Amino acid sequence: MRLDASAAVDRGRYQEAVTPWEQETWRAAALDWVAGGLAAHGLRATGGLHVRLRPWSVLVRVPVAGREAVWFKANPPDSAFEGALSAALARWVPEHVLEPLAVDAGRGWSLLPDGGDLFRDVLVRDAVPPHAWEDLLRQYASMQRALIPHAEEIEKLGVTRVRTLELPDAFDELLAASPALDTDERARLGRLRPQLVDWCAELAALGIPDSLDHADLHDGQLFNPEPGRYTFFDWGDAVVSHPFCSLWVPARRACERYGADVLPRLRDAYLEPWTGAGRSAAELRRGVRLAWRFGALGRVRAWGRLFPGAAASVPAATESARTLLELLEDPPL
């Protein structure tokens, strides 16, 4: 069965962005693959498709007879690992993630079930207290800790690995590749490098191994199907590095919503699963402060994971430069 390629298309702010969806042969092949993936599970598409095109993904909502819709996702080459990573996570930490219905790792395609309410939608609909963010951060940190033994396997799936002591080198690469910085901004960032080296050495001495860093864990990247339960998804920006770098995005989002007073409780909730092994609370809090700035590097890296030809229609250079400059800001914790 071939799915009807006619669909409502949402391009958001990126009306001129280039994606594979514009190619008729690619589109037909993708929809045939979706139909085959559904058939393998005894499912049948029904109704119109809804297509969301962004420079970093093609996302298609496919209504299915007798159940919630499913989602097709296509990634650019630099994040093509997402489907294989999602399938691996469903084996290793099934209670925290979605299990794909189908994956084509070679083409960067995946077919995913519906995960329920987005946390972002729950925040709009309900009066959600800050402790909900504490709950999700405890769960996320527990998942990261469970994934430590799989760090090498995750890297083999194509996920970039940046060890703690290599973070200054990653900074150098991203700085060199950022053309939108002016001379003064570049000099200010350059002067920061010796401190980055010292901070990474201190962070490494804490002895917490590499794990999976989502690198963009905001309220639109997790489901909240029922109170107290969260499902993490959208792994296209992921990296294997020091796990504490992950806190940068969700803590900032929560701070925007509730104010900076929530940050200490969010930090301590995130750190609960990391206690033990002879590390004091003060040492762990110091580790979060050291890792905080490096969360920005994951966001800079993400602007390079676009479909070929898409960068011309996206302010990637400007956004990368803006985010790099955030390394100059003192951590709020």
Protein backbone atom coordinates (compact mmCIF):
# COMPACT_ATOMS: atom_id res chain seq x y z
CA MET A 1 0.00 0.00 0.00
CA ARG A 2 1.33 3.44 -0.91
CA LEU A 3 0.48 6.38 1.34
CA ASP A 4 -0.95 9.47 -0.25
CA ALA A 5 1.82 12.06 -0.53
CA SER A 6 -0.63 14.97 -0.35
CA ALA A 7 -0.38 16.52 3.08
CA ALA A 8 -0.65 19.65 5.17
CA VAL A 9 2.90 21.04 5.44
CA ASP A 10 4.18 23.12 8.34
CA ARG A 11 7.48 24.92 7.70
CA GLY A 12 7.37 27.15 10.76
CA ARG A 13 9.87 30.01 10.56
CA TYR A 14 11.89 28.19 7.91
CA GLN A 15 9.87 28.74 4.75
CA GLU A 16 12.90 28.49 2.47
CA ALA A 17 14.64 25.59 4.20
CA VAL A 18 15.78 22.73 1.97
CA THR A 19 14.76 19.22 3.06
CA PRO A 20 14.53 15.88 1.25
CA TRP A 21 10.72 16.12 1.30
CA GLU A 22 10.87 18.33 -1.80
CA GLN A 23 12.33 15.39 -3.79
CA GLU A 24 9.52 13.31 -5.25
CA THR A 25 11.52 10.07 -5.39
CA TRP A 26 12.68 10.47 -1.77
CA ARG A 27 9.16 11.27 -0.61
CA ALA A 28 7.69 8.24 -2.37
CA ALA A 29 10.37 5.94 -0.98
CA ALA A 30 9.85 7.27 2.55
CA LEU A 31 6.09 6.83 2.44
CA ASP A 32 6.42 3.31 1.00
CA TRP A 33 8.77 2.48 3.88
CA VAL A 34 6.27 3.86 6.39
CA ALA A 35 3.49 1.76 4.86
CA GLY A 36 5.68 -1.33 5.07
CA GLY A 37 6.57 -0.58 8.69
CA LEU A 38 2.90 -0.24 9.59
CA ALA A 39 1.98 -3.44 7.77
CA ALA A 40 4.63 -5.36 9.71
CA HIS A 41 2.68 -4.49 12.86
CA GLY A 42 -0.75 -5.17 11.34
CA LEU A 43 -1.50 -1.45 11.12
CA ARG A 44 -3.07 0.64 8.38
CA ALA A 45 -2.77 4.35 7.73
CA THR A 46 -5.99 6.34 7.46
CA GLY A 47 -6.68 10.02 6.89
CA GLY A 48 -4.40 12.85 5.85
CA LEU A 49 -0.76 13.26 6.76
CA HIS A 50 0.63 16.25 8.62
CA VAL A 51 4.20 17.13 7.68
CA ARG A 52 6.52 19.27 9.79
CA LEU A 53 9.62 20.39 7.90
CA ARG A 54 12.60 21.89 9.63
CA PRO A 55 16.25 22.27 8.51
CA TRP A 56 17.16 19.47 10.96
CA SER A 57 14.29 17.00 10.46
CA VAL A 58 11.33 15.80 8.45
CA LEU A 59 8.52 14.74 10.77
CA VAL A 60 5.28 13.22 9.48
CA ARG A 61 2.22 12.46 11.59
CA VAL A 62 0.48 9.40 10.17
CA PRO A 63 -3.08 8.68 11.41
CA VAL A 64 -3.60 4.96 11.98
CA ALA A 65 -6.86 3.01 12.14
CA GLY A 66 -7.85 1.91 15.63
CA ARG A 67 -5.05 3.61 17.60
CA GLU A 68 -3.09 6.79 18.13
CA ALA A 69 -1.15 8.21 15.21
CA VAL A 70 2.43 7.19 14.54
CA TRP A 71 5.32 9.43 13.55
CA PHE A 72 7.88 9.13 10.76
CA LYS A 73 11.13 11.00 11.27
CA ALA A 74 14.03 11.55 8.88
CA ASN A 75 17.33 12.96 10.15
CA PRO A 76 20.17 14.74 8.32
CA PRO A 77 23.40 12.78 7.82
CA ASP A 78 25.07 14.16 10.95
CA SER A 79 22.22 12.95 13.18
CA ALA A 80 21.27 9.85 11.21
CA PHE A 81 22.20 7.81 14.29
CA GLU A 82 18.95 8.78 16.04
CA GLY A 83 16.86 5.84 14.86
CA ALA A 84 19.47 3.25 15.84
CA LEU A 85 20.07 5.05 19.14
CA SER A 86 16.34 5.10 19.90
CA ALA A 87 16.11 1.37 19.26
CA ALA A 88 19.11 0.69 21.50
CA LEU A 89 17.73 2.86 24.29
CA ALA A 90 14.45 0.93 24.12
CA ARG A 91 16.47 -2.22 24.91
CA TRP A 92 18.63 -0.71 27.63
CA VAL A 93 16.26 1.71 29.41
CA PRO A 94 12.76 0.86 28.13
CA GLU A 95 10.99 2.59 31.02
CA HIS A 96 12.39 5.97 29.95
CA VAL A 97 11.99 6.07 26.15
CA LEU A 98 9.79 5.17 23.18
CA GLU A 99 10.34 1.90 21.35
CA PRO A 100 10.45 2.48 17.57
CA LEU A 101 8.11 0.50 15.35
CA ALA A 102 10.76 0.46 12.63
CA VAL A 103 14.25 1.88 11.99
CA ASP A 104 16.34 2.26 8.86
CA ALA A 105 19.70 3.23 10.31
CA GLY A 106 21.34 3.64 6.92
CA ARG A 107 18.86 6.26 5.76
CA GLY A 108 18.32 7.89 9.16
CA TRP A 109 14.62 6.98 9.22
CA SER A 110 12.49 5.91 12.16
CA LEU A 111 8.84 5.16 12.80
CA LEU A 112 7.69 5.90 16.34
CA PRO A 113 4.49 5.41 18.33
CA ASP A 114 2.67 8.30 19.92
CA GLY A 115 4.00 9.09 23.39
CA GLY A 116 1.00 10.87 24.89
CA ASP A 117 0.93 14.48 26.05
CA LEU A 118 3.99 16.61 25.49
CA PHE A 119 5.23 18.12 28.72
CA ARG A 120 5.05 21.51 26.96
CA ASP A 121 1.31 21.03 26.38
CA VAL A 122 0.77 19.95 29.97
CA LEU A 123 2.51 23.14 31.13
CA VAL A 124 0.11 25.21 29.04
CA ARG A 125 -2.98 23.31 30.17
CA ASP A 126 -2.30 22.76 33.86
CA ALA A 127 -0.80 24.60 36.81
CA VAL A 128 2.41 22.56 36.98
CA PRO A 129 4.52 23.21 40.10
CA PRO A 130 8.33 23.31 39.96
CA HIS A 131 8.63 19.93 41.69
CA ALA A 132 7.47 18.30 38.44
CA TRP A 133 10.77 19.44 36.92
CA GLU A 134 12.58 17.96 39.89
CA ASP A 135 10.88 14.62 39.21
CA LEU A 136 11.80 14.59 35.53
CA LEU A 137 15.42 15.51 36.26
CA ARG A 138 15.73 12.68 38.81
CA GLN A 139 14.37 10.27 36.23
CA TYR A 140 16.63 11.61 33.50
CA ALA A 141 19.73 11.39 35.71
CA SER A 142 18.80 7.82 36.68
CA MET A 143 18.64 6.96 32.99
CA GLN A 144 22.03 8.57 32.35
CA ARG A 145 23.58 6.58 35.17
CA ALA A 146 22.09 3.35 33.83
CA LEU A 147 23.59 4.12 30.41
CA ILE A 148 27.19 4.53 31.60
CA PRO A 149 28.05 0.87 30.79
CA HIS A 150 26.76 1.42 27.24
CA ALA A 151 28.82 4.52 26.39
CA GLU A 152 31.11 2.64 24.00
CA GLU A 153 28.15 1.01 22.26
CA ILE A 154 26.42 4.37 21.89
CA GLU A 155 29.55 5.80 20.29
CA LYS A 156 29.63 2.90 17.81
CA LEU A 157 26.12 3.85 16.69
CA GLY A 158 27.56 7.11 15.36
CA VAL A 159 26.95 9.40 18.32
CA THR A 160 29.78 11.91 18.77
CA ARG A 161 31.87 11.32 21.88
CA VAL A 162 33.63 14.18 23.63
CA ARG A 163 35.39 13.04 26.81
CA THR A 164 35.58 15.49 29.68
CA LEU A 165 39.25 16.33 29.12
CA GLU A 166 38.52 16.79 25.39
CA LEU A 167 35.89 19.51 25.92
CA PRO A 168 38.44 22.34 25.46
CA ASP A 169 39.42 20.81 22.10
CA ALA A 170 35.75 20.69 21.11
CA PHE A 171 35.53 24.35 22.11
CA ASP A 172 38.50 25.14 19.85
CA GLU A 173 36.86 23.41 16.88
CA LEU A 174 33.51 25.14 17.36
CA LEU A 175 35.18 28.52 17.88
CA ALA A 176 37.22 28.14 14.70
CA ALA A 177 34.10 27.20 12.75
CA SER A 178 32.06 30.19 13.95
CA PRO A 179 32.36 32.99 11.35
CA ALA A 180 29.80 35.32 12.95
CA LEU A 181 31.98 36.30 15.91
CA ASP A 182 33.67 39.68 15.73
CA THR A 183 37.32 40.18 16.63
CA ASP A 184 36.64 41.26 20.20
CA GLU A 185 34.24 38.38 20.87
CA ARG A 186 36.70 35.87 19.48
CA ALA A 187 39.48 37.31 21.66
CA ARG A 188 37.32 37.19 24.81
CA LEU A 189 36.47 33.55 24.17
CA GLY A 190 40.11 32.74 23.43
CA ARG A 191 41.16 34.17 26.78
CA LEU A 192 38.70 31.83 28.48
CA ARG A 193 40.39 28.67 27.21
CA PRO A 194 43.00 28.20 29.98
CA GLN A 195 40.20 28.29 32.54
CA LEU A 196 38.21 25.74 30.53
CA VAL A 197 41.18 23.38 30.70
CA ASP A 198 41.45 23.80 34.48
CA TRP A 199 37.73 23.33 34.99
CA CYS A 200 37.70 20.17 32.88
CA ALA A 201 40.61 18.72 34.83
CA GLU A 202 38.76 19.35 38.09
CA LEU A 203 35.54 17.92 36.66
CA ALA A 204 37.31 14.79 35.42
CA ALA A 205 38.84 14.30 38.87
CA LEU A 206 35.32 13.87 40.26
CA GLY A 207 35.39 10.46 38.57
CA ILE A 208 31.92 10.39 36.98
CA PRO A 209 32.15 8.49 33.65
CA ASP A 210 30.81 9.60 30.28
CA SER A 211 27.18 8.95 29.52
CA LEU A 212 24.51 10.08 27.08
CA ASP A 213 23.82 13.81 26.98
CA HIS A 214 20.53 14.63 25.24
CA ALA A 215 21.93 18.15 24.65
CA ASP A 216 18.48 19.72 24.12
CA LEU A 217 16.28 18.47 26.93
CA HIS A 218 13.52 21.08 27.03
CA ASP A 219 9.79 20.78 27.65
CA GLY A 220 9.07 19.95 24.01
CA GLN A 221 11.42 16.95 24.03
CA LEU A 222 9.68 14.77 26.58
CA PHE A 223 6.25 13.29 27.05
CA ASN A 224 4.28 13.46 30.27
CA PRO A 225 1.53 10.85 29.71
CA GLU A 226 0.55 10.86 33.37
CA PRO A 227 1.61 12.72 36.52
CA GLY A 228 5.10 11.75 37.63
CA ARG A 229 5.96 9.75 34.48
CA TYR A 230 8.17 11.10 31.71
CA THR A 231 9.36 9.70 28.40
CA PHE A 232 12.42 11.21 26.73
CA PHE A 233 12.71 11.44 22.93
CA ASP A 234 14.25 13.39 20.04
CA TRP A 235 17.88 12.29 20.32
CA GLY A 236 19.21 13.96 17.17
CA ASP A 237 21.45 16.39 19.07
CA ALA A 238 22.82 13.76 21.47
CA VAL A 239 26.48 13.37 22.40
CA VAL A 240 28.41 11.10 24.74
CA SER A 241 30.22 13.28 27.24
CA HIS A 242 30.13 14.31 30.87
CA PRO A 243 26.50 13.74 31.90
CA PHE A 244 26.28 16.93 33.97
CA CYS A 245 26.42 19.01 30.76
CA SER A 246 22.79 17.97 30.25
CA LEU A 247 21.47 20.19 33.01
CA TRP A 248 22.14 23.43 31.12
CA VAL A 249 19.04 23.33 28.88
CA PRO A 250 16.27 22.09 31.23
CA ALA A 251 17.42 24.18 34.18
CA ARG A 252 17.41 27.33 32.06
CA ARG A 253 13.93 26.55 30.74
CA ALA A 254 12.57 25.99 34.23
CA CYS A 255 14.27 29.18 35.42
CA GLU A 256 12.56 31.15 32.64
CA ARG A 257 9.22 29.81 33.83
CA TYR A 258 9.54 29.99 37.61
CA GLY A 259 12.50 32.25 38.32
CA ALA A 260 16.05 31.59 39.46
CA ASP A 261 14.98 30.56 42.95
CA VAL A 262 14.11 27.07 41.63
CA LEU A 263 17.64 26.33 40.45
CA PRO A 264 19.14 24.94 43.67
CA ARG A 265 16.28 22.45 44.10
CA LEU A 266 16.49 21.39 40.45
CA ARG A 267 20.25 20.90 40.76
CA ASP A 268 19.90 18.83 43.92
CA ALA A 269 17.10 16.72 42.41
CA TYR A 270 19.27 16.01 39.37
CA LEU A 271 22.18 15.04 41.63
CA GLU A 272 20.25 12.58 43.80
CA PRO A 273 20.93 9.57 41.52
CA TRP A 274 24.65 10.48 41.46
CA THR A 275 25.17 10.36 45.20
CA GLY A 276 27.36 7.67 46.73
CA ALA A 277 30.78 6.38 45.69
CA GLY A 278 32.33 8.56 48.36
CA ARG A 279 31.34 11.86 46.70
CA SER A 280 30.00 14.57 48.97
CA ALA A 281 27.05 16.81 48.12
CA ALA A 282 29.46 19.76 47.95
CA GLU A 283 31.67 17.94 45.40
CA LEU A 284 28.69 17.05 43.23
CA ARG A 285 27.38 20.61 43.32
CA ARG A 286 30.82 21.85 42.36
CA GLY A 287 30.75 19.37 39.47
CA VAL A 288 27.47 20.82 38.18
CA ARG A 289 28.94 24.31 38.31
CA LEU A 290 32.03 23.20 36.41
CA ALA A 291 29.99 21.39 33.74
CA TRP A 292 27.38 24.14 33.35
CA ARG A 293 29.12 26.21 30.67
CA PHE A 294 29.91 23.16 28.56
CA GLY A 295 26.20 22.51 28.02
CA ALA A 296 26.36 25.40 25.56
CA LEU A 297 28.74 23.43 23.31
CA GLY A 298 26.05 20.85 22.60
CA ARG A 299 23.73 23.55 21.36
CA VAL A 300 26.45 25.05 19.16
CA ARG A 301 27.18 21.63 17.69
CA ALA A 302 23.49 21.08 16.90
CA TRP A 303 23.48 23.98 14.42
CA GLY A 304 25.84 21.95 12.26
CA ARG A 305 23.42 18.99 12.05
CA LEU A 306 21.25 20.25 9.21
CA PHE A 307 20.15 18.82 5.88
CA PRO A 308 22.57 19.56 3.02
CA GLY A 309 21.71 22.95 1.57
CA ALA A 310 19.59 24.01 4.55
CA ALA A 311 22.17 26.25 6.22
CA ALA A 312 21.64 29.07 3.73
CA SER A 313 18.07 29.59 4.99
CA VAL A 314 18.87 29.30 8.71
CA PRO A 315 20.68 31.78 11.00
CA ALA A 316 22.98 28.95 12.08
CA ALA A 317 26.15 31.04 12.23
CA THR A 318 24.47 33.77 14.26
CA GLU A 319 22.89 31.33 16.68
CA SER A 320 26.14 29.39 17.08
CA ALA A 321 28.04 32.59 17.87
CA ARG A 322 25.40 33.76 20.35
CA THR A 323 25.49 30.44 22.17
CA LEU A 324 29.29 30.32 22.26
CA LEU A 325 29.30 33.71 23.96
CA GLU A 326 27.21 32.25 26.77
CA LEU A 327 30.32 30.40 27.92
CA LEU A 328 31.51 33.78 29.20
CA GLU A 329 28.61 34.01 31.66
CA ASP A 330 29.08 32.81 35.23
CA PRO A 331 26.96 29.77 36.15
CA PRO A 332 23.91 30.76 38.23
CA LEU A 333 24.51 27.87 40.65
